[in-house]
Amino acid sequence: MGAFGPNQSEIKLYWLKKDGFKQFASYSSEAYYSDRFVTIPYTPDEAILIREHADKMRIFEPYVPRKGIATDYSVEVGFEGNGVLKMAYPHFDIRQSRTDLRPKDLSAFVPGEKLYFPDFTAEWIGLPDSESGGDWYIQRGSTYLSISTAKPYSKDQLLFVIASLVPLEELKLSDGTVLAANNPPPITR
């Protein structure tokens, strides 16, 4: 939910929690509504690269965020470990796999809150006494994802990214087209 500040000069974003609304970000209204702020403009080449890397990792349902935390203009796509696709944006990272990405040994971590979305559950697993030292873990269909940041953003701001996730084939590209309509990827299971 968003609310304007005095003179409509800023917009504050809130999550609805059990005990009421909790603010997680504040932006100038000019920046928030700018086409170059928050919305991630994917090029056709970036989308095709994500699809090719996902196919190599046998991730048949890759997801991408439509929104970032700030001015997220680019994505670097690569591999991390065994069967993990990593997408690095300027302010956060998303990892995807066909297997659960949650840490096997939780002794150094604190399992945190769980939030329930209509299609999935998001679970925060972090370091003790840390608002930003951890990851959100979710499962969408056959894809396991984790979202994290090394920047000074809170776990609530990362929820903004999670809420914007769409299947790669449904992503609207910066040229206004959709990847699936442009270049239907060959998928073999």
C-alpha atoms as a PDB file:
ATOM      1  CA  MET A   1       0.000   0.000   0.000  1.00  0.00           C
ATOM      2  CA  GLY A   2       1.229   3.513  -0.717  1.00  0.00           C
ATOM      3  CA  ALA A   3       0.401   6.826   0.927  1.00  0.00           C
ATOM      4  CA  PHE A   4       1.395  10.343  -0.053  1.00  0.00           C
ATOM      5  CA  GLY A   5       3.125  12.689   2.371  1.00  0.00           C
ATOM      6  CA  PRO A   6       2.444  16.411   2.765  1.00  0.00           C
ATOM      7  CA  ASN A   7       1.934  18.256  -0.544  1.00  0.00           C
ATOM      8  CA  GLN A   8       2.159  14.863  -2.299  1.00  0.00           C
ATOM      9  CA  SER A   9       5.943  15.280  -2.267  1.00  0.00           C
ATOM     10  CA  GLU A  10       6.747  11.741  -1.143  1.00  0.00           C
ATOM     11  CA  ILE A  11       5.228   8.298  -1.214  1.00  0.00           C
ATOM     12  CA  LYS A  12       5.547   5.871   1.676  1.00  0.00           C
ATOM     13  CA  LEU A  13       5.121   2.157   1.098  1.00  0.00           C
ATOM     14  CA  TYR A  14       3.571  -0.060   3.778  1.00  0.00           C
ATOM     15  CA  TRP A  15       3.006  -3.755   4.409  1.00  0.00           C
ATOM     16  CA  LEU A  16      -0.152  -4.834   6.182  1.00  0.00           C
ATOM     17  CA  LYS A  17       0.880  -6.902   9.212  1.00  0.00           C
ATOM     18  CA  LYS A  18      -1.162  -8.542  11.972  1.00  0.00           C
ATOM     19  CA  ASP A  19      -0.609  -5.550  14.264  1.00  0.00           C
ATOM     20  CA  GLY A  20      -1.283  -2.893  11.596  1.00  0.00           C
ATOM     21  CA  PHE A  21       0.644  -1.186   8.835  1.00  0.00           C
ATOM     22  CA  LYS A  22       4.459  -1.164   8.808  1.00  0.00           C
ATOM     23  CA  GLN A  23       6.336   1.329   6.630  1.00  0.00           C
ATOM     24  CA  PHE A  24       9.190  -0.237   4.660  1.00  0.00           C
ATOM     25  CA  ALA A  25      10.278   2.503   2.264  1.00  0.00           C
ATOM     26  CA  SER A  26       9.866   6.176   1.445  1.00  0.00           C
ATOM     27  CA  TYR A  27      10.546   7.802  -1.938  1.00  0.00           C
ATOM     28  CA  SER A  28       9.924  11.188  -3.513  1.00  0.00           C
ATOM     29  CA  SER A  29       6.754  10.975  -5.589  1.00  0.00           C
ATOM     30  CA  GLU A  30       8.679  12.272  -8.618  1.00  0.00           C
ATOM     31  CA  ALA A  31      11.266   9.491  -8.340  1.00  0.00           C
ATOM     32  CA  TYR A  32       8.731   6.766  -7.556  1.00  0.00           C
ATOM     33  CA  TYR A  33       6.582   7.487 -10.602  1.00  0.00           C
ATOM     34  CA  SER A  34       9.538   7.956 -12.938  1.00  0.00           C
ATOM     35  CA  ASP A  35       9.892   5.299 -15.655  1.00  0.00           C
ATOM     36  CA  ARG A  36      13.549   4.941 -14.666  1.00  0.00           C
ATOM     37  CA  PHE A  37      13.013   4.329 -10.946  1.00  0.00           C
ATOM     38  CA  VAL A  38      12.205   0.997  -9.343  1.00  0.00           C
ATOM     39  CA  THR A  39      11.019  -0.635 -12.605  1.00  0.00           C
ATOM     40  CA  ILE A  40      13.744  -2.884 -14.036  1.00  0.00           C
ATOM     41  CA  PRO A  41      13.997  -2.421 -17.816  1.00  0.00           C
ATOM     42  CA  TYR A  42      15.055  -5.788 -19.262  1.00  0.00           C
ATOM     43  CA  THR A  43      16.471  -5.888 -22.772  1.00  0.00           C
ATOM     44  CA  PRO A  44      15.604  -8.821 -25.048  1.00  0.00           C
ATOM     45  CA  ASP A  45      19.259  -9.955 -24.833  1.00  0.00           C
ATOM     46  CA  GLU A  46      19.134 -10.036 -21.008  1.00  0.00           C
ATOM     47  CA  ALA A  47      15.906 -12.044 -21.016  1.00  0.00           C
ATOM     48  CA  ILE A  48      17.295 -14.533 -23.547  1.00  0.00           C
ATOM     49  CA  LEU A  49      20.504 -14.875 -21.481  1.00  0.00           C
ATOM     50  CA  ILE A  50      18.450 -15.626 -18.353  1.00  0.00           C
ATOM     51  CA  ARG A  51      16.472 -18.249 -20.297  1.00  0.00           C
ATOM     52  CA  GLU A  52      19.643 -19.884 -21.687  1.00  0.00           C
ATOM     53  CA  HIS A  53      21.290 -20.017 -18.232  1.00  0.00           C
ATOM     54  CA  ALA A  54      18.098 -21.369 -16.658  1.00  0.00           C
ATOM     55  CA  ASP A  55      17.931 -24.092 -19.313  1.00  0.00           C
ATOM     56  CA  LYS A  56      21.552 -25.077 -18.571  1.00  0.00           C
ATOM     57  CA  MET A  57      20.654 -25.381 -14.880  1.00  0.00           C
ATOM     58  CA  ARG A  58      17.447 -27.249 -15.824  1.00  0.00           C
ATOM     59  CA  ILE A  59      15.334 -24.594 -14.106  1.00  0.00           C
ATOM     60  CA  PHE A  60      12.214 -24.812 -16.215  1.00  0.00           C
ATOM     61  CA  GLU A  61      10.268 -22.024 -14.505  1.00  0.00           C
ATOM     62  CA  PRO A  62      12.686 -19.125 -13.886  1.00  0.00           C
ATOM     63  CA  TYR A  63      11.341 -15.981 -12.220  1.00  0.00           C
ATOM     64  CA  VAL A  64      12.444 -12.373 -12.571  1.00  0.00           C
ATOM     65  CA  PRO A  65      11.548  -9.278 -10.561  1.00  0.00           C
ATOM     66  CA  ARG A  66       9.777  -6.433 -12.343  1.00  0.00           C
ATOM     67  CA  LYS A  67      10.642  -3.986  -9.554  1.00  0.00           C
ATOM     68  CA  GLY A  68      13.826  -3.243  -7.668  1.00  0.00           C
ATOM     69  CA  ILE A  69      14.615  -1.337  -4.513  1.00  0.00           C
ATOM     70  CA  ALA A  70      16.043   1.768  -6.169  1.00  0.00           C
ATOM     71  CA  THR A  71      17.490   2.419  -9.617  1.00  0.00           C
ATOM     72  CA  ASP A  72      18.013  -1.182 -10.659  1.00  0.00           C
ATOM     73  CA  TYR A  73      19.015  -0.844 -14.296  1.00  0.00           C
ATOM     74  CA  SER A  74      20.964  -3.982 -15.070  1.00  0.00           C
ATOM     75  CA  VAL A  75      21.312  -7.662 -14.326  1.00  0.00           C
ATOM     76  CA  GLU A  76      24.344  -9.928 -14.412  1.00  0.00           C
ATOM     77  CA  VAL A  77      23.491 -13.571 -14.993  1.00  0.00           C
ATOM     78  CA  GLY A  78      25.728 -16.442 -13.963  1.00  0.00           C
ATOM     79  CA  PHE A  79      26.070 -19.721 -12.121  1.00  0.00           C
ATOM     80  CA  GLU A  80      26.738 -20.300  -8.444  1.00  0.00           C
ATOM     81  CA  GLY A  81      27.534 -23.738  -7.173  1.00  0.00           C
ATOM     82  CA  ASN A  82      25.790 -26.861  -8.333  1.00  0.00           C
ATOM     83  CA  GLY A  83      22.577 -26.127 -10.230  1.00  0.00           C
ATOM     84  CA  VAL A  84      22.104 -22.548  -8.992  1.00  0.00           C
ATOM     85  CA  LEU A  85      21.310 -19.651 -11.307  1.00  0.00           C
ATOM     86  CA  LYS A  86      22.405 -16.291  -9.874  1.00  0.00           C
ATOM     87  CA  MET A  87      21.006 -12.971 -11.056  1.00  0.00           C
ATOM     88  CA  ALA A  88      22.873  -9.987  -9.582  1.00  0.00           C
ATOM     89  CA  TYR A  89      21.198  -6.585  -9.679  1.00  0.00           C
ATOM     90  CA  PRO A  90      22.837  -3.394  -8.369  1.00  0.00           C
ATOM     91  CA  HIS A  91      20.996  -3.567  -5.025  1.00  0.00           C
ATOM     92  CA  PHE A  92      20.134  -7.245  -4.495  1.00  0.00           C
ATOM     93  CA  ASP A  93      20.739 -10.809  -5.702  1.00  0.00           C
ATOM     94  CA  ILE A  94      18.342 -13.588  -6.623  1.00  0.00           C
ATOM     95  CA  ARG A  95      19.386 -17.240  -6.669  1.00  0.00           C
ATOM     96  CA  GLN A  96      17.243 -19.955  -8.249  1.00  0.00           C
ATOM     97  CA  SER A  97      17.464 -23.726  -8.266  1.00  0.00           C
ATOM     98  CA  ARG A  98      15.481 -26.936  -8.683  1.00  0.00           C
ATOM     99  CA  THR A  99      16.439 -27.831  -5.098  1.00  0.00           C
ATOM    100  CA  ASP A 100      15.776 -26.125  -1.785  1.00  0.00           C
ATOM    101  CA  LEU A 101      18.225 -23.254  -1.198  1.00  0.00           C
ATOM    102  CA  ARG A 102      17.694 -22.903   2.554  1.00  0.00           C
ATOM    103  CA  PRO A 103      20.811 -23.599   4.651  1.00  0.00           C
ATOM    104  CA  LYS A 104      21.070 -27.250   5.677  1.00  0.00           C
ATOM    105  CA  ASP A 105      22.679 -26.322   8.998  1.00  0.00           C
ATOM    106  CA  LEU A 106      20.684 -23.595  10.724  1.00  0.00           C
ATOM    107  CA  SER A 107      22.862 -23.458  13.851  1.00  0.00           C
ATOM    108  CA  ALA A 108      24.447 -20.118  12.851  1.00  0.00           C
ATOM    109  CA  PHE A 109      21.141 -18.659  11.653  1.00  0.00           C
ATOM    110  CA  VAL A 110      17.856 -17.653  13.167  1.00  0.00           C
ATOM    111  CA  PRO A 111      14.754 -18.893  11.372  1.00  0.00           C
ATOM    112  CA  GLY A 112      12.625 -15.793  11.258  1.00  0.00           C
ATOM    113  CA  GLU A 113       9.196 -14.838  10.248  1.00  0.00           C
ATOM    114  CA  LYS A 114       7.073 -16.456   7.597  1.00  0.00           C
ATOM    115  CA  LEU A 115       4.805 -14.393   5.397  1.00  0.00           C
ATOM    116  CA  TYR A 116       1.977 -15.953   3.431  1.00  0.00           C
ATOM    117  CA  PHE A 117       1.263 -14.727  -0.088  1.00  0.00           C
ATOM    118  CA  PRO A 118      -1.585 -16.142  -2.202  1.00  0.00           C
ATOM    119  CA  ASP A 119       0.728 -18.431  -4.234  1.00  0.00           C
ATOM    120  CA  PHE A 120       3.712 -19.010  -1.925  1.00  0.00           C
ATOM    121  CA  THR A 121       5.216 -18.567   1.523  1.00  0.00           C
ATOM    122  CA  ALA A 122       8.260 -16.371   2.128  1.00  0.00           C
ATOM    123  CA  GLU A 123      10.567 -17.396   4.976  1.00  0.00           C
ATOM    124  CA  TRP A 124      13.274 -15.090   6.379  1.00  0.00           C
ATOM    125  CA  ILE A 125      16.395 -16.854   7.667  1.00  0.00           C
ATOM    126  CA  GLY A 126      19.008 -14.476   9.022  1.00  0.00           C
ATOM    127  CA  LEU A 127      21.799 -13.744  11.389  1.00  0.00           C
ATOM    128  CA  PRO A 128      20.921 -13.102  15.037  1.00  0.00           C
ATOM    129  CA  ASP A 129      19.938  -9.485  15.769  1.00  0.00           C
ATOM    130  CA  SER A 130      20.178  -8.454  12.133  1.00  0.00           C
ATOM    131  CA  GLU A 131      17.491  -6.797  10.045  1.00  0.00           C
ATOM    132  CA  SER A 132      19.409  -7.113   6.774  1.00  0.00           C
ATOM    133  CA  GLY A 133      21.844 -10.016   7.335  1.00  0.00           C
ATOM    134  CA  GLY A 134      19.870 -12.870   5.842  1.00  0.00           C
ATOM    135  CA  ASP A 135      17.818 -14.128   2.932  1.00  0.00           C
ATOM    136  CA  TRP A 136      14.185 -14.587   2.011  1.00  0.00           C
ATOM    137  CA  TYR A 137      13.452 -18.117   0.770  1.00  0.00           C
ATOM    138  CA  ILE A 138      10.462 -18.980  -1.374  1.00  0.00           C
ATOM    139  CA  GLN A 139       9.248 -21.712  -3.692  1.00  0.00           C
ATOM    140  CA  ARG A 140       7.235 -20.889  -6.815  1.00  0.00           C
ATOM    141  CA  GLY A 141       6.132 -24.010  -8.672  1.00  0.00           C
ATOM    142  CA  SER A 142       9.205 -26.193  -9.210  1.00  0.00           C
ATOM    143  CA  THR A 143      11.627 -23.298  -8.610  1.00  0.00           C
ATOM    144  CA  TYR A 144      13.285 -22.492  -5.285  1.00  0.00           C
ATOM    145  CA  LEU A 145      14.462 -18.895  -4.863  1.00  0.00           C
ATOM    146  CA  SER A 146      16.426 -16.842  -2.378  1.00  0.00           C
ATOM    147  CA  ILE A 147      16.620 -13.046  -2.320  1.00  0.00           C
ATOM    148  CA  SER A 148      19.339 -11.164  -0.435  1.00  0.00           C
ATOM    149  CA  THR A 149      21.219  -7.884  -0.347  1.00  0.00           C
ATOM    150  CA  ALA A 150      24.619  -6.722   0.846  1.00  0.00           C
ATOM    151  CA  LYS A 151      23.415  -3.111   0.753  1.00  0.00           C
ATOM    152  CA  PRO A 152      21.772  -1.244   3.653  1.00  0.00           C
ATOM    153  CA  TYR A 153      18.236  -2.306   2.744  1.00  0.00           C
ATOM    154  CA  SER A 154      15.840  -4.038   5.099  1.00  0.00           C
ATOM    155  CA  LYS A 155      14.182  -7.396   4.704  1.00  0.00           C
ATOM    156  CA  ASP A 156      10.881  -5.543   4.239  1.00  0.00           C
ATOM    157  CA  GLN A 157      12.301  -3.670   1.251  1.00  0.00           C
ATOM    158  CA  LEU A 158      13.305  -7.020  -0.265  1.00  0.00           C
ATOM    159  CA  LEU A 159       9.643  -8.061   0.010  1.00  0.00           C
ATOM    160  CA  PHE A 160       8.910  -5.357  -2.555  1.00  0.00           C
ATOM    161  CA  VAL A 161      11.143  -7.298  -4.964  1.00  0.00           C
ATOM    162  CA  ILE A 162       9.513 -10.630  -4.073  1.00  0.00           C
ATOM    163  CA  ALA A 163       6.022  -9.247  -4.632  1.00  0.00           C
ATOM    164  CA  SER A 164       7.037  -8.233  -8.174  1.00  0.00           C
ATOM    165  CA  LEU A 165       8.330 -11.669  -9.286  1.00  0.00           C
ATOM    166  CA  VAL A 166       6.860 -12.983 -12.541  1.00  0.00           C
ATOM    167  CA  PRO A 167       7.668 -16.019 -14.675  1.00  0.00           C
ATOM    168  CA  LEU A 168      10.316 -15.078 -17.232  1.00  0.00           C
ATOM    169  CA  GLU A 169       7.968 -15.876 -20.113  1.00  0.00           C
ATOM    170  CA  GLU A 170       5.471 -13.274 -18.823  1.00  0.00           C
ATOM    171  CA  LEU A 171       8.038 -10.490 -18.458  1.00  0.00           C
ATOM    172  CA  LYS A 172       7.334  -7.331 -20.439  1.00  0.00           C
ATOM    173  CA  LEU A 173      10.640  -6.203 -21.954  1.00  0.00           C
ATOM    174  CA  SER A 174      11.921  -2.650 -22.262  1.00  0.00           C
ATOM    175  CA  ASP A 175      10.907  -2.612 -25.940  1.00  0.00           C
ATOM    176  CA  GLY A 176       7.301  -3.400 -24.912  1.00  0.00           C
ATOM    177  CA  THR A 177       7.282  -7.016 -26.083  1.00  0.00           C
ATOM    178  CA  VAL A 178       7.084 -10.250 -24.121  1.00  0.00           C
ATOM    179  CA  LEU A 179       9.912 -12.810 -24.302  1.00  0.00           C
ATOM    180  CA  ALA A 180       7.618 -15.752 -25.101  1.00  0.00           C
ATOM    181  CA  ALA A 181       6.077 -13.834 -28.004  1.00  0.00           C
ATOM    182  CA  ASN A 182       9.519 -12.806 -29.318  1.00  0.00           C
ATOM    183  CA  ASN A 183      11.451 -15.989 -28.995  1.00  0.00           C
ATOM    184  CA  PRO A 184       9.673 -19.010 -27.565  1.00  0.00           C
ATOM    185  CA  PRO A 185      12.432 -20.928 -25.818  1.00  0.00           C
ATOM    186  CA  PRO A 186      12.858 -24.618 -26.528  1.00  0.00           C
ATOM    187  CA  ILE A 187      12.216 -26.399 -23.258  1.00  0.00           C
ATOM    188  CA  THR A 188      12.933 -30.087 -22.889  1.00  0.00           C
ATOM    189  CA  ARG A 189      12.208 -31.740 -19.596  1.00  0.00           C
END
